[in-house]
Structure formats: structure tokens, C-alpha cells
N, C-alpha and C. Protein backbone atom coordinates (compact mmCIF):
# COMPACT_ATOMS: atom_id res chain seq x y z
N MET A 1 43.92 98.97 65.46
CA MET A 1 45.09 99.07 65.58
C MET A 1 45.79 100.07 66.72
N THR A 2 46.19 99.61 67.83
CA THR A 2 46.77 100.81 68.69
C THR A 2 47.82 101.44 68.37
N ALA A 3 47.90 102.77 68.62
CA ALA A 3 49.49 103.36 68.35
C ALA A 3 50.57 102.87 69.33
N PRO A 4 51.73 102.90 69.16
CA PRO A 4 52.93 102.34 69.61
C PRO A 4 53.31 103.26 70.82
N SER A 5 53.76 102.61 71.89
CA SER A 5 54.02 103.50 73.06
C SER A 5 55.26 103.93 73.00
N GLN A 6 55.74 105.06 73.71
CA GLN A 6 57.04 105.65 73.64
C GLN A 6 58.06 104.54 73.60
N MET A 7 57.98 103.45 74.70
CA MET A 7 58.76 102.18 74.75
C MET A 7 59.03 101.56 73.46
N ASP A 8 57.76 101.26 72.81
CA ASP A 8 57.82 100.66 71.51
C ASP A 8 58.81 101.09 70.67
N TRP A 9 58.67 102.51 70.30
CA TRP A 9 59.15 103.35 69.64
C TRP A 9 60.76 103.40 69.71
N ARG A 10 61.23 103.69 70.97
CA ARG A 10 62.42 103.46 71.24
C ARG A 10 63.26 102.19 71.03
N LEU A 11 62.65 100.92 71.20
CA LEU A 11 62.88 99.57 70.89
C LEU A 11 63.29 99.35 69.78
N ARG A 12 61.99 99.92 68.79
CA ARG A 12 62.34 100.04 67.31
C ARG A 12 63.26 100.61 66.68
N VAL A 13 63.74 101.62 67.30
CA VAL A 13 64.97 102.75 66.86
C VAL A 13 66.02 102.08 67.17
N SER A 14 66.29 101.52 68.13
CA SER A 14 67.33 100.75 68.61
C SER A 14 67.69 99.59 67.98
N GLY A 15 66.87 98.80 67.78
CA GLY A 15 66.90 98.14 66.55
C GLY A 15 67.17 97.91 65.59
N ILE A 16 67.08 99.02 64.84
CA ILE A 16 67.14 99.49 63.55
C ILE A 16 68.64 100.08 63.46
N LEU A 17 69.04 100.95 64.73
CA LEU A 17 70.35 101.26 64.83
C LEU A 17 71.26 99.86 64.85
N ILE A 18 71.12 99.21 65.71
CA ILE A 18 72.20 98.00 65.79
C ILE A 18 72.12 96.88 64.55
N ALA A 19 70.97 96.84 63.70
CA ALA A 19 71.18 96.07 62.63
C ALA A 19 71.85 96.97 61.70
N LEU A 20 71.96 98.39 61.65
CA LEU A 20 72.65 99.30 60.83
C LEU A 20 74.01 98.92 60.96
N GLY A 21 74.34 98.98 62.47
CA GLY A 21 75.50 98.84 62.69
C GLY A 21 76.11 97.54 62.45
N LEU A 22 75.51 96.66 62.50
CA LEU A 22 76.20 94.84 62.09
C LEU A 22 76.09 95.21 60.64
N LEU A 23 75.28 95.72 59.82
CA LEU A 23 75.34 95.74 58.35
C LEU A 23 76.36 96.34 58.15
N ALA A 24 76.80 97.65 58.65
CA ALA A 24 77.86 98.41 57.84
C ALA A 24 79.20 97.29 58.73
N GLU A 25 79.33 96.95 59.42
CA GLU A 25 80.32 96.29 60.01
C GLU A 25 80.43 95.18 59.10
N ALA A 26 79.54 94.13 58.51
CA ALA A 26 79.63 93.26 57.62
C ALA A 26 80.29 93.87 56.42
N LEU A 27 79.83 94.81 55.77
CA LEU A 27 80.31 95.39 54.60
C LEU A 27 81.55 95.77 54.72
N SER A 28 82.23 96.20 56.06
CA SER A 28 83.49 96.51 55.75
C SER A 28 84.42 95.42 55.85
N LEU A 29 84.13 94.55 56.02
CA LEU A 29 85.02 93.09 56.28
C LEU A 29 85.27 92.61 55.03
N ILE A 30 84.25 93.15 53.99
CA ILE A 30 84.35 92.75 52.43
C ILE A 30 85.62 93.44 52.00
N ARG A 31 86.12 94.49 52.26
CA ARG A 31 87.06 95.09 51.70
C ARG A 31 88.26 95.23 52.43
N ILE A 32 89.43 94.78 52.06
CA ILE A 32 90.64 94.71 52.82
C ILE A 32 91.39 96.47 52.62
N HIS A 33 91.11 97.19 53.24
CA HIS A 33 91.97 98.55 53.16
C HIS A 33 91.61 99.23 54.42
N PRO A 34 92.84 100.26 54.80
CA PRO A 34 92.73 100.89 56.04
C PRO A 34 91.59 101.82 56.34
N LEU A 35 90.77 102.23 55.32
CA LEU A 35 89.69 102.85 55.58
C LEU A 35 88.36 102.19 55.83
N ALA A 36 88.39 100.92 55.47
CA ALA A 36 87.46 99.95 55.74
C ALA A 36 87.61 99.72 57.28
N PHE A 37 88.73 99.59 57.82
CA PHE A 37 88.87 99.43 59.44
C PHE A 37 88.31 100.69 59.97
N LEU A 38 88.43 101.89 59.88
CA LEU A 38 87.96 103.26 60.23
C LEU A 38 86.34 102.97 60.12
N GLY A 39 85.71 102.47 59.12
CA GLY A 39 84.60 102.46 58.94
C GLY A 39 84.17 101.32 60.14
N PHE A 40 84.55 100.23 60.14
CA PHE A 40 84.49 99.39 60.78
C PHE A 40 84.16 99.68 62.33
N MET A 41 85.34 100.53 62.70
CA MET A 41 85.17 101.04 63.91
C MET A 41 84.25 102.26 64.42
N PHE A 42 84.41 103.36 63.66
CA PHE A 42 83.55 104.38 63.63
C PHE A 42 82.11 104.46 63.18
N VAL A 43 81.98 104.08 61.90
CA VAL A 43 80.59 103.99 61.52
C VAL A 43 79.70 102.61 62.04
N GLY A 44 80.36 101.49 62.09
CA GLY A 44 79.60 100.51 62.57
C GLY A 44 79.55 100.20 64.05
N GLY A 45 80.70 100.70 64.88
CA GLY A 45 80.45 100.67 66.07
C GLY A 45 79.96 101.90 66.89
N GLY A 46 79.72 103.12 66.05
CA GLY A 46 78.89 104.05 66.49
C GLY A 46 77.68 103.85 66.59
N PHE A 47 77.12 103.49 65.22
CA PHE A 47 75.67 102.79 65.36
C PHE A 47 75.28 101.83 66.31
N LEU A 48 76.23 101.16 66.52
CA LEU A 48 76.01 100.00 67.84
C LEU A 48 76.08 100.50 68.97
N ILE A 49 77.03 101.35 69.35
CA ILE A 49 76.85 102.18 70.60
C ILE A 49 75.90 102.98 70.62
N ILE A 50 75.40 103.57 70.04
CA ILE A 50 73.87 104.54 69.93
C ILE A 50 72.73 103.67 69.99
N GLY A 51 72.80 102.63 69.27
CA GLY A 51 71.66 101.85 69.37
C GLY A 51 71.64 100.86 71.07
N VAL A 52 72.70 100.59 71.48
CA VAL A 52 72.54 99.84 72.81
C VAL A 52 72.51 101.02 73.75
N ALA A 53 72.44 102.35 73.76
CA ALA A 53 72.66 103.50 74.72
C ALA A 53 70.78 103.64 74.73
N ILE A 54 70.44 103.81 73.48
CA ILE A 54 69.03 103.81 73.52
C ILE A 54 68.06 103.04 74.23
N TYR A 55 68.42 101.73 73.67
CA TYR A 55 67.88 100.47 74.23
C TYR A 55 68.13 100.47 75.83
N LEU A 56 69.01 100.77 76.52
CA LEU A 56 69.41 101.17 77.84
C LEU A 56 68.72 101.85 78.64
N TYR A 57 68.78 103.17 77.74
CA TYR A 57 67.77 104.20 78.23
C TYR A 57 66.42 103.79 78.15
N SER A 58 65.91 103.37 77.10
CA SER A 58 64.27 103.11 77.34
C SER A 58 63.91 101.92 78.37
N LEU A 59 64.98 101.38 78.86
CA LEU A 59 64.50 100.37 79.93
C LEU A 59 64.61 101.21 81.25
N ILE A 60 65.48 101.93 81.55
CA ILE A 60 65.53 102.67 82.71
C ILE A 60 64.47 103.90 82.75
N SER A 61 63.76 104.48 81.54
CA SER A 61 63.01 105.62 81.50
C SER A 61 61.51 105.25 81.63
N VAL A 62 61.20 104.05 81.94
CA VAL A 62 59.74 103.75 81.75
C VAL A 62 59.26 103.83 83.07
N SER A 63 58.14 104.51 82.97
CA SER A 63 57.36 104.90 84.40
C SER A 63 56.49 103.74 84.69
N SER A 64 56.43 103.34 86.02
CA SER A 64 55.39 101.95 86.27
C SER A 64 54.02 101.98 85.85
N PRO A 65 53.45 101.06 85.48
CA PRO A 65 52.14 101.30 85.55
C PRO A 65 51.20 101.64 86.52
N PRO A 66 50.19 102.65 86.60
CA PRO A 66 49.28 103.09 87.79
C PRO A 66 48.90 101.75 88.39
N SER A 67 49.02 101.53 89.71
CA SER A 67 48.29 100.88 90.56
C SER A 67 46.82 100.73 90.88
N SER A 68 46.10 99.69 90.65
CA SER A 68 44.78 99.58 90.75
C SER A 68 44.35 100.05 92.36
């Protein structure tokens, strides 16, 4: 089994952060409370924004493969 590349690792991390953000947002919808809205916005939204930012950074930071 080969070791995952830098891009594979970044894509995994971004996927995990996006999934955690969606989970936090889904859990905050269960409770009707002002703090639930803050959790929805800052915790869930924060994980989503960081996950998307890491995903986009991983797309633009990849170096091209060496030409033959």
C-alpha cells in the first residue's frame, strides 16, 4: 500500500471538517434555543468554512507532474 500524498491528506482533512460542520449544524437544529443558533453559525459554519478553504487551497497548491 502506498503512502497518501499531500493532496490526499488535505482532501481527507477537508472532508472530515465539512462532515463535522454538517453534523454540528444538524445537531443544533434539534434544540430551539438562542445558543443553538450561535452554535449553528459559529461552530458549524466555522468547520464548513475551514473545510472549504482547505479544499480550495489543496486544489491550487498542487504542483504539476513532471513531464517526460
